[in-house]
PDB file of all heavy atoms in Angstrom:
ATOM      1  N   VAL A   1      14.076  24.810   7.162  1.00  0.00           N
ATOM      2  CA  VAL A   1      13.877  23.531   6.515  1.00  0.00           C
ATOM      3  C   VAL A   1      14.940  23.311   5.444  1.00  0.00           C
ATOM      4  O   VAL A   1      14.865  23.795   4.288  1.00  0.00           O
ATOM      5  CB  VAL A   1      12.512  23.347   5.836  1.00  0.00           C
ATOM      6  CG1 VAL A   1      12.277  21.990   5.268  1.00  0.00           C
ATOM      7  CG2 VAL A   1      11.412  23.704   6.839  1.00  0.00           C
ATOM      8  N   SER A   2      15.974  22.536   5.728  1.00  0.00           N
ATOM      9  CA  SER A   2      17.074  22.346   4.781  1.00  0.00           C
ATOM     10  C   SER A   2      16.669  21.307   3.667  1.00  0.00           C
ATOM     11  O   SER A   2      15.570  20.609   3.834  1.00  0.00           O
ATOM     12  CB  SER A   2      18.278  21.722   5.497  1.00  0.00           C
ATOM     13  OG  SER A   2      18.027  20.448   6.012  1.00  0.00           O
ATOM     14  N   ASP A   3      17.438  21.187   2.647  1.00  0.00           N
ATOM     15  CA  ASP A   3      17.056  20.188   1.635  1.00  0.00           C
ATOM     16  C   ASP A   3      17.134  18.798   2.216  1.00  0.00           C
ATOM     17  O   ASP A   3      16.428  17.939   1.826  1.00  0.00           O
ATOM     18  CB  ASP A   3      18.080  20.382   0.434  1.00  0.00           C
ATOM     19  CG  ASP A   3      17.896  21.608  -0.406  1.00  0.00           C
ATOM     20  OD1 ASP A   3      16.780  22.206  -0.274  1.00  0.00           O
ATOM     21  OD2 ASP A   3      18.743  21.963  -1.077  1.00  0.00           O
ATOM     22  N   GLU A   4      18.144  18.622   3.063  1.00  0.00           N
ATOM     23  CA  GLU A   4      18.304  17.297   3.725  1.00  0.00           C
ATOM     24  C   GLU A   4      17.084  16.952   4.574  1.00  0.00           C
ATOM     25  O   GLU A   4      16.565  15.792   4.521  1.00  0.00           O
ATOM     26  CB  GLU A   4      19.527  17.232   4.570  1.00  0.00           C
ATOM     27  CG  GLU A   4      20.850  17.401   3.846  1.00  0.00           C
ATOM     28  CD  GLU A   4      21.205  18.827   3.435  1.00  0.00           C
ATOM     29  OE1 GLU A   4      20.826  19.775   4.110  1.00  0.00           O
ATOM     30  OE2 GLU A   4      21.863  18.982   2.420  1.00  0.00           O
ATOM     31  N   MET A   5      16.570  17.989   5.255  1.00  0.00           N
ATOM     32  CA  MET A   5      15.369  17.734   6.103  1.00  0.00           C
ATOM     33  C   MET A   5      14.162  17.402   5.156  1.00  0.00           C
ATOM     34  O   MET A   5      13.409  16.544   5.547  1.00  0.00           O
ATOM     35  CB  MET A   5      14.994  18.895   6.994  1.00  0.00           C
ATOM     36  CG  MET A   5      13.884  18.728   7.907  1.00  0.00           C
ATOM     37  SD  MET A   5      13.496  20.246   8.861  1.00  0.00           S
ATOM     38  CE  MET A   5      14.821  20.295  10.005  1.00  0.00           C
ATOM     39  N   GLU A   6      14.086  18.175   4.198  1.00  0.00           N
ATOM     40  CA  GLU A   6      12.962  17.923   3.166  1.00  0.00           C
ATOM     41  C   GLU A   6      12.951  16.535   2.622  1.00  0.00           C
ATOM     42  O   GLU A   6      11.973  15.840   2.657  1.00  0.00           O
ATOM     43  CB  GLU A   6      13.103  18.956   2.087  1.00  0.00           C
ATOM     44  CG  GLU A   6      11.953  18.883   0.987  1.00  0.00           C
ATOM     45  CD  GLU A   6      10.744  19.805   1.277  1.00  0.00           C
ATOM     46  OE1 GLU A   6      10.629  20.237   2.449  1.00  0.00           O
ATOM     47  OE2 GLU A   6      10.036  19.985   0.363  1.00  0.00           O
ATOM     48  N   GLY A   7      14.185  16.097   2.239  1.00  0.00           N
ATOM     49  CA  GLY A   7      14.328  14.669   1.697  1.00  0.00           C
ATOM     50  C   GLY A   7      14.080  13.648   2.821  1.00  0.00           C
ATOM     51  O   GLY A   7      13.357  12.682   2.569  1.00  0.00           O
ATOM     52  N   SER A   8      14.556  13.897   3.996  1.00  0.00           N
ATOM     53  CA  SER A   8      14.354  12.925   5.147  1.00  0.00           C
ATOM     54  C   SER A   8      12.925  12.814   5.435  1.00  0.00           C
ATOM     55  O   SER A   8      12.346  11.738   5.693  1.00  0.00           O
ATOM     56  CB  SER A   8      15.140  13.453   6.310  1.00  0.00           C
ATOM     57  OG  SER A   8      14.907  12.640   7.452  1.00  0.00           O
ATOM     58  N   ASN A   9      12.187  13.984   5.481  1.00  0.00           N
ATOM     59  CA  ASN A   9      10.747  13.952   5.833  1.00  0.00           C
ATOM     60  C   ASN A   9       9.961  13.202   4.722  1.00  0.00           C
ATOM     61  O   ASN A   9       9.033  12.442   5.053  1.00  0.00           O
ATOM     62  CB  ASN A   9      10.228  15.342   5.992  1.00  0.00           C
ATOM     63  CG  ASN A   9      10.642  15.945   7.286  1.00  0.00           C
ATOM     64  OD1 ASN A   9      11.069  15.373   8.202  1.00  0.00           O
ATOM     65  ND2 ASN A   9      10.552  17.354   7.277  1.00  0.00           N
ATOM     66  N   ALA A  10      10.332  13.470   3.490  1.00  0.00           N
ATOM     67  CA  ALA A  10       9.676  12.798   2.320  1.00  0.00           C
ATOM     68  C   ALA A  10       9.895  11.223   2.486  1.00  0.00           C
ATOM     69  O   ALA A  10       8.990  10.462   2.258  1.00  0.00           O
ATOM     70  CB  ALA A  10      10.149  13.268   1.052  1.00  0.00           C
ATOM     71  N   LEU A  11      11.114  10.853   2.814  1.00  0.00           N
ATOM     72  CA  LEU A  11      11.432   9.383   2.933  1.00  0.00           C
ATOM     73  C   LEU A  11      10.593   8.792   4.137  1.00  0.00           C
ATOM     74  O   LEU A  11      10.063   7.717   4.004  1.00  0.00           O
ATOM     75  CB  LEU A  11      12.922   9.177   3.104  1.00  0.00           C
ATOM     76  CG  LEU A  11      13.257   7.673   3.309  1.00  0.00           C
ATOM     77  CD1 LEU A  11      12.755   6.863   2.147  1.00  0.00           C
ATOM     78  CD2 LEU A  11      14.807   7.564   3.463  1.00  0.00           C
ATOM     79  N   ALA A  12      10.586   9.508   5.208  1.00  0.00           N
ATOM     80  CA  ALA A  12       9.830   8.974   6.407  1.00  0.00           C
ATOM     81  C   ALA A  12       8.320   8.791   6.049  1.00  0.00           C
ATOM     82  O   ALA A  12       7.735   7.781   6.391  1.00  0.00           O
ATOM     83  CB  ALA A  12       9.901   9.938   7.566  1.00  0.00           C
ATOM     84  N   ILE A  13       7.790   9.696   5.342  1.00  0.00           N
ATOM     85  CA  ILE A  13       6.401   9.600   4.872  1.00  0.00           C
ATOM     86  C   ILE A  13       6.223   8.429   3.903  1.00  0.00           C
ATOM     87  O   ILE A  13       5.284   7.666   3.973  1.00  0.00           O
ATOM     88  CB  ILE A  13       5.914  10.932   4.141  1.00  0.00           C
ATOM     89  CG1 ILE A  13       5.840  12.065   5.316  1.00  0.00           C
ATOM     90  CG2 ILE A  13       4.545  10.779   3.528  1.00  0.00           C
ATOM     91  CD1 ILE A  13       5.733  13.473   4.703  1.00  0.00           C
ATOM     92  N   ALA A  14       7.113   8.385   2.880  1.00  0.00           N
ATOM     93  CA  ALA A  14       7.122   7.230   1.996  1.00  0.00           C
ATOM     94  C   ALA A  14       7.187   5.882   2.680  1.00  0.00           C
ATOM     95  O   ALA A  14       6.436   5.019   2.339  1.00  0.00           O
ATOM     96  CB  ALA A  14       8.308   7.358   0.979  1.00  0.00           C
ATOM     97  N   GLU A  15       8.031   5.759   3.636  1.00  0.00           N
ATOM     98  CA  GLU A  15       8.126   4.458   4.415  1.00  0.00           C
ATOM     99  C   GLU A  15       6.823   4.156   5.178  1.00  0.00           C
ATOM    100  O   GLU A  15       6.292   3.037   5.165  1.00  0.00           O
ATOM    101  CB  GLU A  15       9.312   4.562   5.408  1.00  0.00           C
ATOM    102  CG  GLU A  15      10.572   4.501   4.785  1.00  0.00           C
ATOM    103  CD  GLU A  15      11.772   4.744   5.824  1.00  0.00           C
ATOM    104  OE1 GLU A  15      11.472   5.424   6.847  1.00  0.00           O
ATOM    105  OE2 GLU A  15      12.853   4.279   5.491  1.00  0.00           O
ATOM    106  N   LYS A  16       6.206   5.174   5.732  1.00  0.00           N
ATOM    107  CA  LYS A  16       4.968   5.047   6.451  1.00  0.00           C
ATOM    108  C   LYS A  16       3.844   4.484   5.593  1.00  0.00           C
ATOM    109  O   LYS A  16       3.209   3.484   5.889  1.00  0.00           O
ATOM    110  CB  LYS A  16       4.537   6.330   7.095  1.00  0.00           C
ATOM    111  CG  LYS A  16       3.126   6.263   7.757  1.00  0.00           C
ATOM    112  CD  LYS A  16       2.747   7.676   8.166  1.00  0.00           C
ATOM    113  CE  LYS A  16       1.283   7.654   8.610  1.00  0.00           C
ATOM    114  NZ  LYS A  16       0.803   9.017   8.871  1.00  0.00           N
ATOM    115  N   PHE A  17       3.666   5.213   4.444  1.00  0.00           N
ATOM    116  CA  PHE A  17       2.625   4.719   3.514  1.00  0.00           C
ATOM    117  C   PHE A  17       2.962   3.471   2.719  1.00  0.00           C
ATOM    118  O   PHE A  17       2.042   2.653   2.445  1.00  0.00           O
ATOM    119  CB  PHE A  17       2.253   5.841   2.552  1.00  0.00           C
ATOM    120  CG  PHE A  17       1.478   6.984   3.247  1.00  0.00           C
ATOM    121  CD1 PHE A  17       2.063   8.247   3.449  1.00  0.00           C
ATOM    122  CD2 PHE A  17       0.159   6.667   3.817  1.00  0.00           C
ATOM    123  CE1 PHE A  17       1.368   9.202   4.209  1.00  0.00           C
ATOM    124  CE2 PHE A  17      -0.398   7.718   4.507  1.00  0.00           C
ATOM    125  CZ  PHE A  17       0.084   8.961   4.649  1.00  0.00           C
ATOM    126  N   TYR A  18       4.216   3.214   2.467  1.00  0.00           N
ATOM    127  CA  TYR A  18       4.613   1.886   1.937  1.00  0.00           C
ATOM    128  C   TYR A  18       4.165   0.774   2.809  1.00  0.00           C
ATOM    129  O   TYR A  18       3.678  -0.217   2.324  1.00  0.00           O
ATOM    130  CB  TYR A  18       6.078   1.957   1.641  1.00  0.00           C
ATOM    131  CG  TYR A  18       6.553   0.779   0.809  1.00  0.00           C
ATOM    132  CD1 TYR A  18       6.405   0.788  -0.592  1.00  0.00           C
ATOM    133  CD2 TYR A  18       7.152  -0.346   1.451  1.00  0.00           C
ATOM    134  CE1 TYR A  18       6.846  -0.369  -1.313  1.00  0.00           C
ATOM    135  CE2 TYR A  18       7.553  -1.395   0.654  1.00  0.00           C
ATOM    136  CZ  TYR A  18       7.380  -1.407  -0.673  1.00  0.00           C
ATOM    137  OH  TYR A  18       7.800  -2.453  -1.439  1.00  0.00           O
ATOM    138  N   ARG A  19       4.390   0.917   4.136  1.00  0.00           N
ATOM    139  CA  ARG A  19       3.899  -0.120   5.052  1.00  0.00           C
ATOM    140  C   ARG A  19       2.435  -0.237   5.052  1.00  0.00           C
ATOM    141  O   ARG A  19       1.896  -1.340   5.094  1.00  0.00           O
ATOM    142  CB  ARG A  19       4.429   0.167   6.450  1.00  0.00           C
ATOM    143  CG  ARG A  19       5.912  -0.117   6.664  1.00  0.00           C
ATOM    144  CD  ARG A  19       6.320   0.031   8.099  1.00  0.00           C
ATOM    145  NE  ARG A  19       5.915   1.214   8.768  1.00  0.00           N
ATOM    146  CZ  ARG A  19       6.710   2.369   8.735  1.00  0.00           C
ATOM    147  NH1 ARG A  19       7.704   2.367   8.143  1.00  0.00           N
ATOM    148  NH2 ARG A  19       6.270   3.474   9.354  1.00  0.00           N
ATOM    149  N   GLN A  20       1.736   0.881   5.049  1.00  0.00           N
ATOM    150  CA  GLN A  20       0.204   0.881   5.117  1.00  0.00           C
ATOM    151  C   GLN A  20      -0.353   0.185   3.867  1.00  0.00           C
ATOM    152  O   GLN A  20      -1.438  -0.397   3.941  1.00  0.00           O
ATOM    153  CB  GLN A  20      -0.301   2.279   5.251  1.00  0.00           C
ATOM    154  CG  GLN A  20      -0.241   2.892   6.626  1.00  0.00           C
ATOM    155  CD  GLN A  20      -0.860   4.211   6.765  1.00  0.00           C
ATOM    156  OE1 GLN A  20      -1.413   4.762   5.750  1.00  0.00           O
ATOM    157  NE2 GLN A  20      -0.755   4.779   7.924  1.00  0.00           N
ATOM    158  N   PHE A  21       0.258   0.386   2.706  1.00  0.00           N
ATOM    159  CA  PHE A  21      -0.198  -0.229   1.465  1.00  0.00           C
ATOM    160  C   PHE A  21       0.366  -1.584   1.147  1.00  0.00           C
ATOM    161  O   PHE A  21       0.433  -2.008   0.043  1.00  0.00           O
ATOM    162  CB  PHE A  21       0.050   0.714   0.343  1.00  0.00           C
ATOM    163  CG  PHE A  21      -0.550   2.052   0.466  1.00  0.00           C
ATOM    164  CD1 PHE A  21       0.017   3.276   0.170  1.00  0.00           C
ATOM    165  CD2 PHE A  21      -1.891   2.185   0.841  1.00  0.00           C
ATOM    166  CE1 PHE A  21      -0.491   4.477   0.367  1.00  0.00           C
ATOM    167  CE2 PHE A  21      -2.566   3.424   0.941  1.00  0.00           C
ATOM    168  CZ  PHE A  21      -1.834   4.584   0.713  1.00  0.00           C
ATOM    169  N   SER A  22       0.780  -2.362   2.220  1.00  0.00           N
ATOM    170  CA  SER A  22       1.435  -3.608   1.984  1.00  0.00           C
ATOM    171  C   SER A  22       0.585  -4.613   1.277  1.00  0.00           C
ATOM    172  O   SER A  22       1.154  -5.522   0.686  1.00  0.00           O
ATOM    173  CB  SER A  22       1.931  -4.137   3.340  1.00  0.00           C
ATOM    174  OG  SER A  22       0.852  -4.425   4.187  1.00  0.00           O
ATOM    175  N   GLY A  23      -0.658  -4.530   1.318  1.00  0.00           N
ATOM    176  CA  GLY A  23      -1.548  -5.470   0.659  1.00  0.00           C
ATOM    177  C   GLY A  23      -1.698  -5.267  -0.804  1.00  0.00           C
ATOM    178  O   GLY A  23      -2.353  -6.089  -1.454  1.00  0.00           O
ATOM    179  N   LEU A  24      -1.140  -4.251  -1.370  1.00  0.00           N
ATOM    180  CA  LEU A  24      -1.292  -3.938  -2.727  1.00  0.00           C
ATOM    181  C   LEU A  24      -0.125  -4.528  -3.600  1.00  0.00           C
ATOM    182  O   LEU A  24       0.930  -4.749  -3.046  1.00  0.00           O
ATOM    183  CB  LEU A  24      -1.383  -2.470  -2.967  1.00  0.00           C
ATOM    184  CG  LEU A  24      -2.493  -1.710  -2.313  1.00  0.00           C
ATOM    185  CD1 LEU A  24      -2.367  -0.250  -2.482  1.00  0.00           C
ATOM    186  CD2 LEU A  24      -3.834  -2.200  -2.775  1.00  0.00           C
ATOM    187  N   GLU A  25      -0.332  -4.651  -4.909  1.00  0.00           N
ATOM    188  CA  GLU A  25       0.694  -5.032  -5.842  1.00  0.00           C
ATOM    189  C   GLU A  25       1.756  -3.855  -5.872  1.00  0.00           C
ATOM    190  O   GLU A  25       1.413  -2.735  -5.656  1.00  0.00           O
ATOM    191  CB  GLU A  25      -0.006  -5.178  -7.224  1.00  0.00           C
ATOM    192  CG  GLU A  25       0.892  -5.541  -8.336  1.00  0.00           C
ATOM    193  CD  GLU A  25       1.447  -4.324  -9.119  1.00  0.00           C
ATOM    194  OE1 GLU A  25       0.705  -3.312  -9.252  1.00  0.00           O
ATOM    195  OE2 GLU A  25       2.520  -4.401  -9.539  1.00  0.00           O
ATOM    196  N   GLU A  26       2.969  -4.269  -6.110  1.00  0.00           N
ATOM    197  CA  GLU A  26       4.106  -3.278  -5.898  1.00  0.00           C
ATOM    198  C   GLU A  26       3.949  -2.027  -6.646  1.00  0.00           C
ATOM    199  O   GLU A  26       4.138  -0.963  -6.142  1.00  0.00           O
ATOM    200  CB  GLU A  26       5.390  -4.010  -6.253  1.00  0.00           C
ATOM    201  CG  GLU A  26       6.673  -3.193  -5.966  1.00  0.00           C
ATOM    202  CD  GLU A  26       6.909  -2.878  -4.465  1.00  0.00           C
ATOM    203  OE1 GLU A  26       6.271  -3.621  -3.626  1.00  0.00           O
ATOM    204  OE2 GLU A  26       7.700  -2.021  -4.220  1.00  0.00           O
ATOM    205  N   GLY A  27       3.573  -2.140  -7.959  1.00  0.00           N
ATOM    206  CA  GLY A  27       3.363  -0.929  -8.741  1.00  0.00           C
ATOM    207  C   GLY A  27       2.279   0.042  -8.193  1.00  0.00           C
ATOM    208  O   GLY A  27       2.512   1.245  -8.116  1.00  0.00           O
ATOM    209  N   GLU A  28       1.188  -0.553  -7.826  1.00  0.00           N
ATOM    210  CA  GLU A  28       0.044   0.342  -7.230  1.00  0.00           C
ATOM    211  C   GLU A  28       0.522   0.808  -5.850  1.00  0.00           C
ATOM    212  O   GLU A  28       0.261   1.992  -5.501  1.00  0.00           O
ATOM    213  CB  GLU A  28      -1.199  -0.586  -7.088  1.00  0.00           C
ATOM    214  CG  GLU A  28      -2.334   0.164  -6.491  1.00  0.00           C
ATOM    215  CD  GLU A  28      -2.852   1.343  -7.239  1.00  0.00           C
ATOM    216  OE1 GLU A  28      -2.472   1.485  -8.453  1.00  0.00           O
ATOM    217  OE2 GLU A  28      -3.610   2.117  -6.736  1.00  0.00           O
ATOM    218  N   ARG A  29       1.331   0.035  -5.114  1.00  0.00           N
ATOM    219  CA  ARG A  29       1.701   0.499  -3.805  1.00  0.00           C
ATOM    220  C   ARG A  29       2.655   1.728  -3.976  1.00  0.00           C
ATOM    221  O   ARG A  29       2.488   2.720  -3.256  1.00  0.00           O
ATOM    222  CB  ARG A  29       2.499  -0.678  -3.162  1.00  0.00           C
ATOM    223  CG  ARG A  29       2.935  -0.587  -1.849  1.00  0.00           C
ATOM    224  CD  ARG A  29       3.651  -1.854  -1.373  1.00  0.00           C
ATOM    225  NE  ARG A  29       3.879  -1.907   0.056  1.00  0.00           N
ATOM    226  CZ  ARG A  29       4.613  -2.853   0.650  1.00  0.00           C
ATOM    227  NH1 ARG A  29       5.135  -3.791  -0.071  1.00  0.00           N
ATOM    228  NH2 ARG A  29       4.781  -2.777   1.940  1.00  0.00           N
ATOM    229  N   LEU A  30       3.595   1.762  -4.891  1.00  0.00           N
ATOM    230  CA  LEU A  30       4.482   2.854  -5.107  1.00  0.00           C
ATOM    231  C   LEU A  30       3.749   4.066  -5.637  1.00  0.00           C
ATOM    232  O   LEU A  30       4.014   5.149  -5.305  1.00  0.00           O
ATOM    233  CB  LEU A  30       5.642   2.435  -5.974  1.00  0.00           C
ATOM    234  CG  LEU A  30       6.650   1.458  -5.419  1.00  0.00           C
ATOM    235  CD1 LEU A  30       7.641   1.027  -6.509  1.00  0.00           C
ATOM    236  CD2 LEU A  30       7.309   2.071  -4.262  1.00  0.00           C
ATOM    237  N   ARG A  31       2.765   3.757  -6.510  1.00  0.00           N
ATOM    238  CA  ARG A  31       1.972   4.917  -7.070  1.00  0.00           C
ATOM    239  C   ARG A  31       1.233   5.648  -5.996  1.00  0.00           C
ATOM    240  O   ARG A  31       1.162   6.838  -5.971  1.00  0.00           O
ATOM    241  CB  ARG A  31       0.965   4.346  -8.059  1.00  0.00           C
ATOM    242  CG  ARG A  31       0.211   5.422  -8.911  1.00  0.00           C
ATOM    243  CD  ARG A  31      -0.810   4.843  -9.798  1.00  0.00           C
ATOM    244  NE  ARG A  31      -2.056   4.415  -9.123  1.00  0.00           N
ATOM    245  CZ  ARG A  31      -2.932   5.205  -8.610  1.00  0.00           C
ATOM    246  NH1 ARG A  31      -2.805   6.531  -8.705  1.00  0.00           N
ATOM    247  NH2 ARG A  31      -4.007   4.705  -8.022  1.00  0.00           N
ATOM    248  N   ARG A  32       0.644   4.903  -5.012  1.00  0.00           N
ATOM    249  CA  ARG A  32      -0.046   5.499  -3.923  1.00  0.00           C
ATOM    250  C   ARG A  32       0.857   6.268  -2.975  1.00  0.00           C
ATOM    251  O   ARG A  32       0.453   7.264  -2.451  1.00  0.00           O
ATOM    252  CB  ARG A  32      -0.903   4.482  -3.185  1.00  0.00           C
ATOM    253  CG  ARG A  32      -2.072   3.944  -4.069  1.00  0.00           C
ATOM    254  CD  ARG A  32      -3.142   3.421  -3.199  1.00  0.00           C
ATOM    255  NE  ARG A  32      -4.199   2.772  -3.959  1.00  0.00           N
ATOM    256  CZ  ARG A  32      -5.188   2.188  -3.466  1.00  0.00           C
ATOM    257  NH1 ARG A  32      -5.291   2.123  -2.144  1.00  0.00           N
ATOM    258  NH2 ARG A  32      -6.101   1.645  -4.243  1.00  0.00           N
ATOM    259  N   VAL A  33       2.029   5.729  -2.806  1.00  0.00           N
ATOM    260  CA  VAL A  33       3.038   6.491  -1.934  1.00  0.00           C
ATOM    261  C   VAL A  33       3.357   7.834  -2.643  1.00  0.00           C
ATOM    262  O   VAL A  33       3.407   8.797  -1.985  1.00  0.00           O
ATOM    263  CB  VAL A  33       4.300   5.582  -1.744  1.00  0.00           C
ATOM    264  CG1 VAL A  33       5.392   6.434  -1.139  1.00  0.00           C
ATOM    265  CG2 VAL A  33       3.946   4.397  -0.862  1.00  0.00           C
TER     266      VAL A  33
END
């Protein structure tokens, strides 16, 4: 698990949950991510 892979995986997870929390206000959405 390289640093790049770790960062890439974190971003993929962040994108997934950012989409799932689309109904929330931006600050709360980012906090949950």
